[in-house]
C-alpha atoms as a PDB file:
ATOM      1  CA  MET A   1      65.809 133.113  61.853  1.00  0.00           C
ATOM      2  CA  ARG A   2      62.634 133.527  59.815  1.00  0.00           C
ATOM      3  CA  VAL A   3      59.173 134.881  60.514  1.00  0.00           C
ATOM      4  CA  VAL A   4      56.678 132.029  60.187  1.00  0.00           C
ATOM      5  CA  VAL A   5      52.907 132.578  60.102  1.00  0.00           C
ATOM      6  CA  ILE A   6      50.735 129.609  61.053  1.00  0.00           C
ATOM      7  CA  THR A   7      46.977 129.820  60.684  1.00  0.00           C
ATOM      8  CA  GLY A   8      44.949 127.737  63.103  1.00  0.00           C
ATOM      9  CA  GLY A   9      47.990 127.231  65.266  1.00  0.00           C
ATOM     10  CA  MET A  10      46.471 127.063  68.723  1.00  0.00           C
ATOM     11  CA  GLN A  11      45.933 123.302  68.896  1.00  0.00           C
ATOM     12  CA  GLY A  12      46.451 119.997  67.148  1.00  0.00           C
ATOM     13  CA  ILE A  13      48.647 119.926  64.072  1.00  0.00           C
ATOM     14  CA  GLY A  14      48.999 123.708  64.033  1.00  0.00           C
ATOM     15  CA  ALA A  15      50.361 123.816  67.564  1.00  0.00           C
ATOM     16  CA  ALA A  16      52.848 121.038  66.756  1.00  0.00           C
ATOM     17  CA  VAL A  17      53.980 122.935  63.656  1.00  0.00           C
ATOM     18  CA  ALA A  18      54.448 126.093  65.735  1.00  0.00           C
ATOM     19  CA  SER A  19      56.569 124.208  68.285  1.00  0.00           C
ATOM     20  CA  ALA A  20      58.673 122.645  65.532  1.00  0.00           C
ATOM     21  CA  PHE A  21      59.504 126.010  63.962  1.00  0.00           C
ATOM     22  CA  GLU A  22      60.239 127.538  67.345  1.00  0.00           C
ATOM     23  CA  ALA A  23      62.680 124.686  67.971  1.00  0.00           C
ATOM     24  CA  GLU A  24      64.397 125.701  64.726  1.00  0.00           C
ATOM     25  CA  GLY A  25      64.861 129.195  66.160  1.00  0.00           C
ATOM     26  CA  ASP A  26      62.228 130.856  63.986  1.00  0.00           C
ATOM     27  CA  ARG A  27      59.854 133.583  65.120  1.00  0.00           C
ATOM     28  CA  VAL A  28      56.328 132.203  64.990  1.00  0.00           C
ATOM     29  CA  ALA A  29      53.126 134.193  64.591  1.00  0.00           C
ATOM     30  CA  ILE A  30      49.935 132.219  65.258  1.00  0.00           C
ATOM     31  CA  LEU A  31      46.828 133.510  63.514  1.00  0.00           C
ATOM     32  CA  ASP A  32      43.697 131.892  64.932  1.00  0.00           C
ATOM     33  CA  VAL A  33      40.116 132.678  65.944  1.00  0.00           C
ATOM     34  CA  ALA A  34      40.578 130.972  69.314  1.00  0.00           C
ATOM     35  CA  GLU A  35      40.586 133.054  72.457  1.00  0.00           C
ATOM     36  CA  GLY A  36      44.137 133.766  73.549  1.00  0.00           C
ATOM     37  CA  ALA A  37      45.609 133.588  70.053  1.00  0.00           C
ATOM     38  CA  PRO A  38      48.541 136.005  69.579  1.00  0.00           C
ATOM     39  CA  TYR A  39      46.877 137.291  66.409  1.00  0.00           C
ATOM     40  CA  ARG A  40      43.164 136.699  66.749  1.00  0.00           C
ATOM     41  CA  TYR A  41      41.712 136.986  63.267  1.00  0.00           C
ATOM     42  CA  ASP A  42      39.340 134.974  61.060  1.00  0.00           C
ATOM     43  CA  VAL A  43      41.054 133.770  57.883  1.00  0.00           C
ATOM     44  CA  ALA A  44      37.701 133.802  56.094  1.00  0.00           C
ATOM     45  CA  ASP A  45      37.676 137.626  56.354  1.00  0.00           C
ATOM     46  CA  ARG A  46      39.959 139.209  53.746  1.00  0.00           C
ATOM     47  CA  SER A  47      40.338 142.536  55.526  1.00  0.00           C
ATOM     48  CA  ALA A  48      41.098 140.773  58.813  1.00  0.00           C
ATOM     49  CA  VAL A  49      43.815 138.689  57.149  1.00  0.00           C
ATOM     50  CA  GLU A  50      45.456 141.761  55.670  1.00  0.00           C
ATOM     51  CA  GLU A  51      45.271 143.527  59.029  1.00  0.00           C
ATOM     52  CA  ALA A  52      46.905 140.502  60.652  1.00  0.00           C
ATOM     53  CA  PHE A  53      49.827 140.491  58.222  1.00  0.00           C
ATOM     54  CA  VAL A  54      50.405 144.206  58.710  1.00  0.00           C
ATOM     55  CA  ALA A  55      50.494 143.653  62.474  1.00  0.00           C
ATOM     56  CA  ILE A  56      52.810 140.644  62.191  1.00  0.00           C
ATOM     57  CA  GLU A  57      55.239 142.519  59.944  1.00  0.00           C
ATOM     58  CA  HIS A  58      55.230 145.448  62.343  1.00  0.00           C
ATOM     59  CA  ASP A  59      55.922 143.191  65.334  1.00  0.00           C
ATOM     60  CA  LEU A  60      58.267 140.585  63.891  1.00  0.00           C
ATOM     61  CA  GLY A  61      59.463 141.600  60.446  1.00  0.00           C
ATOM     62  CA  PRO A  62      58.960 140.314  56.881  1.00  0.00           C
ATOM     63  CA  VAL A  63      57.085 137.043  56.569  1.00  0.00           C
ATOM     64  CA  GLU A  64      59.086 134.293  54.860  1.00  0.00           C
ATOM     65  CA  VAL A  65      57.006 131.198  55.646  1.00  0.00           C
ATOM     66  CA  LEU A  66      53.240 130.693  55.686  1.00  0.00           C
ATOM     67  CA  VAL A  67      51.568 127.505  56.875  1.00  0.00           C
ATOM     68  CA  ASN A  68      47.894 127.369  55.936  1.00  0.00           C
ATOM     69  CA  ASN A  69      46.610 125.046  58.632  1.00  0.00           C
ATOM     70  CA  ALA A  70      43.302 126.628  59.705  1.00  0.00           C
ATOM     71  CA  GLY A  71      40.429 124.307  58.957  1.00  0.00           C
ATOM     72  CA  VAL A  72      37.033 123.094  60.060  1.00  0.00           C
ATOM     73  CA  ALA A  73      35.309 119.740  59.544  1.00  0.00           C
ATOM     74  CA  PHE A  74      31.606 119.003  59.776  1.00  0.00           C
ATOM     75  CA  LEU A  75      30.144 115.538  59.304  1.00  0.00           C
ATOM     76  CA  GLY A  76      26.718 114.716  57.938  1.00  0.00           C
ATOM     77  CA  PRO A  77      24.806 112.953  55.162  1.00  0.00           C
ATOM     78  CA  SER A  78      25.304 114.782  51.888  1.00  0.00           C
ATOM     79  CA  GLU A  79      21.582 114.865  51.075  1.00  0.00           C
ATOM     80  CA  THR A  80      20.799 116.819  54.239  1.00  0.00           C
ATOM     81  CA  PHE A  81      24.073 118.675  54.806  1.00  0.00           C
ATOM     82  CA  GLY A  82      23.330 122.279  55.767  1.00  0.00           C
ATOM     83  CA  GLU A  83      24.257 125.242  53.603  1.00  0.00           C
ATOM     84  CA  GLU A  84      25.758 127.120  56.535  1.00  0.00           C
ATOM     85  CA  LYS A  85      28.190 124.279  57.322  1.00  0.00           C
ATOM     86  CA  TRP A  86      29.027 123.866  53.626  1.00  0.00           C
ATOM     87  CA  ARG A  87      29.845 127.557  53.224  1.00  0.00           C
ATOM     88  CA  ARG A  88      31.826 127.761  56.455  1.00  0.00           C
ATOM     89  CA  THR A  89      33.924 124.764  55.440  1.00  0.00           C
ATOM     90  CA  LEU A  90      34.829 126.285  52.086  1.00  0.00           C
ATOM     91  CA  ASP A  91      35.250 129.775  53.565  1.00  0.00           C
ATOM     92  CA  VAL A  92      37.840 128.603  56.108  1.00  0.00           C
ATOM     93  CA  ASN A  93      39.539 125.693  54.367  1.00  0.00           C
ATOM     94  CA  VAL A  94      39.770 127.133  50.855  1.00  0.00           C
ATOM     95  CA  THR A  95      39.008 130.850  50.796  1.00  0.00           C
ATOM     96  CA  GLY A  96      40.929 131.436  54.023  1.00  0.00           C
ATOM     97  CA  ALA A  97      43.989 129.736  52.561  1.00  0.00           C
ATOM     98  CA  PHE A  98      43.581 131.847  49.421  1.00  0.00           C
ATOM     99  CA  PHE A  99      43.390 135.104  51.388  1.00  0.00           C
ATOM    100  CA  ALA A 100      46.413 134.213  53.520  1.00  0.00           C
ATOM    101  CA  SER A 101      48.390 133.034  50.477  1.00  0.00           C
ATOM    102  CA  GLN A 102      47.633 136.286  48.680  1.00  0.00           C
ATOM    103  CA  ALA A 103      48.645 138.416  51.654  1.00  0.00           C
ATOM    104  CA  ALA A 104      51.831 136.446  52.267  1.00  0.00           C
ATOM    105  CA  GLY A 105      52.555 135.842  48.605  1.00  0.00           C
ATOM    106  CA  ARG A 106      52.610 139.517  47.644  1.00  0.00           C
ATOM    107  CA  ARG A 107      55.122 140.182  50.383  1.00  0.00           C
ATOM    108  CA  MET A 108      57.269 137.161  49.564  1.00  0.00           C
ATOM    109  CA  LEU A 109      57.333 138.038  45.869  1.00  0.00           C
ATOM    110  CA  GLU A 110      58.592 141.515  46.740  1.00  0.00           C
ATOM    111  CA  LEU A 111      61.326 139.935  48.870  1.00  0.00           C
ATOM    112  CA  GLY A 112      62.134 137.430  46.154  1.00  0.00           C
ATOM    113  CA  ARG A 113      61.921 134.497  48.556  1.00  0.00           C
ATOM    114  CA  GLY A 114      59.430 132.584  50.648  1.00  0.00           C
ATOM    115  CA  VAL A 115      57.637 129.307  51.241  1.00  0.00           C
ATOM    116  CA  VAL A 116      53.955 128.421  51.565  1.00  0.00           C
ATOM    117  CA  VAL A 117      52.954 125.040  52.974  1.00  0.00           C
ATOM    118  CA  ASN A 118      49.284 124.084  52.870  1.00  0.00           C
ATOM    119  CA  ILE A 119      47.872 121.453  55.209  1.00  0.00           C
ATOM    120  CA  ALA A 120      45.672 119.362  52.945  1.00  0.00           C
ATOM    121  CA  SER A 121      44.480 115.851  53.796  1.00  0.00           C
ATOM    122  CA  ILE A 122      44.261 112.364  52.381  1.00  0.00           C
ATOM    123  CA  ASN A 123      40.593 113.348  52.012  1.00  0.00           C
ATOM    124  CA  ALA A 124      41.675 115.358  48.972  1.00  0.00           C
ATOM    125  CA  THR A 125      41.924 112.031  47.153  1.00  0.00           C
ATOM    126  CA  GLU A 126      40.326 109.478  49.505  1.00  0.00           C
ATOM    127  CA  ALA A 127      36.543 109.642  49.845  1.00  0.00           C
ATOM    128  CA  PHE A 128      35.233 109.319  53.389  1.00  0.00           C
ATOM    129  CA  PRO A 129      31.431 109.065  53.836  1.00  0.00           C
ATOM    130  CA  GLU A 130      29.591 112.075  55.270  1.00  0.00           C
ATOM    131  CA  ARG A 131      32.559 114.381  54.706  1.00  0.00           C
ATOM    132  CA  LEU A 132      31.639 115.889  51.344  1.00  0.00           C
ATOM    133  CA  ALA A 133      32.419 119.514  52.221  1.00  0.00           C
ATOM    134  CA  TYR A 134      35.695 118.641  53.892  1.00  0.00           C
ATOM    135  CA  CYS A 135      36.855 116.363  51.063  1.00  0.00           C
ATOM    136  CA  ALA A 136      35.928 118.953  48.441  1.00  0.00           C
ATOM    137  CA  SER A 137      37.759 121.687  50.324  1.00  0.00           C
ATOM    138  CA  LYS A 138      40.955 119.673  50.650  1.00  0.00           C
ATOM    139  CA  ALA A 139      40.876 118.698  46.977  1.00  0.00           C
ATOM    140  CA  ALA A 140      40.591 122.393  46.127  1.00  0.00           C
ATOM    141  CA  LEU A 141      43.522 123.178  48.396  1.00  0.00           C
ATOM    142  CA  ARG A 142      45.726 120.657  46.617  1.00  0.00           C
ATOM    143  CA  ILE A 143      45.118 122.157  43.174  1.00  0.00           C
ATOM    144  CA  MET A 144      45.554 125.661  44.629  1.00  0.00           C
ATOM    145  CA  THR A 145      48.964 124.491  45.818  1.00  0.00           C
ATOM    146  CA  GLU A 146      49.938 123.443  42.305  1.00  0.00           C
ATOM    147  CA  VAL A 147      48.677 126.588  40.579  1.00  0.00           C
ATOM    148  CA  LEU A 148      50.437 128.930  43.002  1.00  0.00           C
ATOM    149  CA  ALA A 149      53.612 126.845  42.748  1.00  0.00           C
ATOM    150  CA  VAL A 150      53.874 127.167  38.991  1.00  0.00           C
ATOM    151  CA  GLU A 151      52.945 130.867  39.068  1.00  0.00           C
ATOM    152  CA  TRP A 152      55.484 131.839  41.716  1.00  0.00           C
ATOM    153  CA  ALA A 153      58.355 129.418  41.111  1.00  0.00           C
ATOM    154  CA  GLY A 154      60.266 131.815  38.860  1.00  0.00           C
ATOM    155  CA  ARG A 155      60.079 134.562  41.459  1.00  0.00           C
ATOM    156  CA  GLY A 156      61.605 132.749  44.405  1.00  0.00           C
ATOM    157  CA  VAL A 157      58.502 131.452  46.183  1.00  0.00           C
ATOM    158  CA  ARG A 158      57.841 127.737  46.636  1.00  0.00           C
ATOM    159  CA  VAL A 159      54.401 126.297  47.415  1.00  0.00           C
ATOM    160  CA  ASN A 160      53.808 122.746  48.621  1.00  0.00           C
ATOM    161  CA  ALA A 161      51.283 120.807  50.667  1.00  0.00           C
ATOM    162  CA  VAL A 162      51.253 118.103  53.304  1.00  0.00           C
ATOM    163  CA  SER A 163      48.414 115.582  53.351  1.00  0.00           C
ATOM    164  CA  PRO A 164      48.051 113.995  56.774  1.00  0.00           C
ATOM    165  CA  GLY A 165      46.230 110.748  57.301  1.00  0.00           C
ATOM    166  CA  VAL A 166      44.262 110.063  60.464  1.00  0.00           C
ATOM    167  CA  THR A 167      46.167 111.991  63.112  1.00  0.00           C
ATOM    168  CA  ARG A 168      45.604 111.845  66.848  1.00  0.00           C
ATOM    169  CA  THR A 169      44.620 115.444  67.422  1.00  0.00           C
ATOM    170  CA  GLU A 170      42.279 116.606  70.160  1.00  0.00           C
ATOM    171  CA  MET A 171      39.382 116.506  67.694  1.00  0.00           C
ATOM    172  CA  VAL A 172      40.104 112.941  66.541  1.00  0.00           C
ATOM    173  CA  ALA A 173      40.650 111.754  70.119  1.00  0.00           C
ATOM    174  CA  GLU A 174      37.261 113.175  71.117  1.00  0.00           C
ATOM    175  CA  ALA A 175      35.589 111.539  68.111  1.00  0.00           C
ATOM    176  CA  ILE A 176      37.091 108.169  69.051  1.00  0.00           C
ATOM    177  CA  GLN A 177      36.085 108.513  72.684  1.00  0.00           C
ATOM    178  CA  SER A 178      32.509 109.458  71.771  1.00  0.00           C
ATOM    179  CA  GLY A 179      32.175 106.569  69.341  1.00  0.00           C
ATOM    180  CA  ILE A 180      31.757 108.703  66.221  1.00  0.00           C
ATOM    181  CA  VAL A 181      34.710 106.937  64.614  1.00  0.00           C
ATOM    182  CA  SER A 182      36.434 103.615  65.274  1.00  0.00           C
ATOM    183  CA  GLU A 183      40.064 103.606  66.331  1.00  0.00           C
ATOM    184  CA  GLU A 184      40.216  99.868  65.649  1.00  0.00           C
ATOM    185  CA  LEU A 185      39.130 100.451  62.060  1.00  0.00           C
ATOM    186  CA  TYR A 186      41.699 103.203  61.584  1.00  0.00           C
ATOM    187  CA  LEU A 187      44.497 101.053  62.984  1.00  0.00           C
ATOM    188  CA  ARG A 188      43.525  98.073  60.841  1.00  0.00           C
ATOM    189  CA  ARG A 189      43.421 100.287  57.751  1.00  0.00           C
ATOM    190  CA  THR A 190      46.864 101.843  58.363  1.00  0.00           C
ATOM    191  CA  PRO A 191      49.819  99.637  57.337  1.00  0.00           C
ATOM    192  CA  LEU A 192      52.147 101.160  59.946  1.00  0.00           C
ATOM    193  CA  GLY A 193      49.625 100.159  62.601  1.00  0.00           C
ATOM    194  CA  ARG A 194      49.208 103.424  64.464  1.00  0.00           C
ATOM    195  CA  LEU A 195      47.575 106.804  64.112  1.00  0.00           C
ATOM    196  CA  GLY A 196      49.665 109.731  63.045  1.00  0.00           C
ATOM    197  CA  ARG A 197      51.036 112.173  65.581  1.00  0.00           C
ATOM    198  CA  PRO A 198      50.860 115.944  65.069  1.00  0.00           C
ATOM    199  CA  GLU A 199      54.657 115.892  65.328  1.00  0.00           C
ATOM    200  CA  ASP A 200      54.824 113.608  62.263  1.00  0.00           C
ATOM    201  CA  VAL A 201      53.049 116.239  60.204  1.00  0.00           C
ATOM    202  CA  ALA A 202      55.082 119.072  61.718  1.00  0.00           C
ATOM    203  CA  ALA A 203      58.342 117.396  60.694  1.00  0.00           C
ATOM    204  CA  ALA A 204      57.128 117.225  57.091  1.00  0.00           C
ATOM    205  CA  VAL A 205      56.127 120.894  57.138  1.00  0.00           C
ATOM    206  CA  VAL A 206      59.490 122.004  58.520  1.00  0.00           C
ATOM    207  CA  PHE A 207      61.251 119.951  55.836  1.00  0.00           C
ATOM    208  CA  LEU A 208      59.226 121.545  53.025  1.00  0.00           C
ATOM    209  CA  ALA A 209      60.010 124.991  54.420  1.00  0.00           C
ATOM    210  CA  SER A 210      63.735 124.266  54.613  1.00  0.00           C
ATOM    211  CA  GLU A 211      66.591 124.664  52.156  1.00  0.00           C
ATOM    212  CA  GLU A 212      66.821 120.870  52.057  1.00  0.00           C
ATOM    213  CA  SER A 213      63.689 120.944  49.878  1.00  0.00           C
ATOM    214  CA  SER A 214      64.812 123.855  47.684  1.00  0.00           C
ATOM    215  CA  PHE A 215      64.092 121.916  44.463  1.00  0.00           C
ATOM    216  CA  ILE A 216      60.611 120.828  45.567  1.00  0.00           C
ATOM    217  CA  THR A 217      57.552 122.868  44.629  1.00  0.00           C
ATOM    218  CA  GLY A 218      54.012 122.089  43.568  1.00  0.00           C
ATOM    219  CA  THR A 219      53.972 118.728  45.307  1.00  0.00           C
ATOM    220  CA  THR A 220      51.981 117.139  48.113  1.00  0.00           C
ATOM    221  CA  LEU A 221      53.821 115.098  50.719  1.00  0.00           C
ATOM    222  CA  VAL A 222      51.529 112.402  52.095  1.00  0.00           C
ATOM    223  CA  VAL A 223      52.009 111.581  55.780  1.00  0.00           C
ATOM    224  CA  ASP A 224      49.525 108.789  56.387  1.00  0.00           C
ATOM    225  CA  GLY A 225      51.324 105.647  57.547  1.00  0.00           C
ATOM    226  CA  GLY A 226      50.656 103.964  54.199  1.00  0.00           C
ATOM    227  CA  TRP A 227      46.865 104.504  54.199  1.00  0.00           C
ATOM    228  CA  SER A 228      46.695 105.847  50.626  1.00  0.00           C
ATOM    229  CA  ALA A 229      48.843 103.032  49.254  1.00  0.00           C
ATOM    230  CA  PHE A 230      46.833 100.299  50.934  1.00  0.00           C
ATOM    231  CA  GLY A 231      44.148  98.909  48.646  1.00  0.00           C
ATOM    232  CA  TYR A 232      43.285  95.753  50.558  1.00  0.00           C
ATOM    233  CA  ALA A 233      40.146  95.615  52.700  1.00  0.00           C
ATOM    234  CA  SER A 234      40.254  93.017  55.462  1.00  0.00           C
END
């Protein structure tokens, strides 16, 4: 039984990851800004993140797994994209993951064991229009994964990432329903012919946090139904 911290774990992929770890018998601490979150803190605030980890350790014990899932996404033309949305995207998606990784990493390094799994995105390598801030943030998260992995590998801490493709979360479902994005286009573009499920991503996260992946660090596991491999436009 391990203590697992999941940022942004109140809905979507984060909630599925939390359920998957609970099914493994782990003790899960959800750190989220949403009302009702067990640990309601903003990952973009360094002091709040440290306070959260102190509270989690007090309540549950030493943290052995961190899943950096908290993220925001704003769409808009790059030439008019607002500074406030740009900064918030980077603050949550990149700086928040950095703060949480530092807080968890120091503790894991003292223990001599631990795993960090970052939720990146195919948008780290696949350019989607009007998503400049989001794409940039996920690209940064991927290289952060690699740097931390090589720094901490010799001290018992592994760091990997999962890059989901288009996944049917609440946010994506709402975007499809409102006509912002086209489900037909997504399905046609995905070789496996369906959108991802949060549970698909959760299974990959649990694997990377397990002993079955003990020789894997510094890598990104793509969970996208073949999207990234598919170069044909029909």
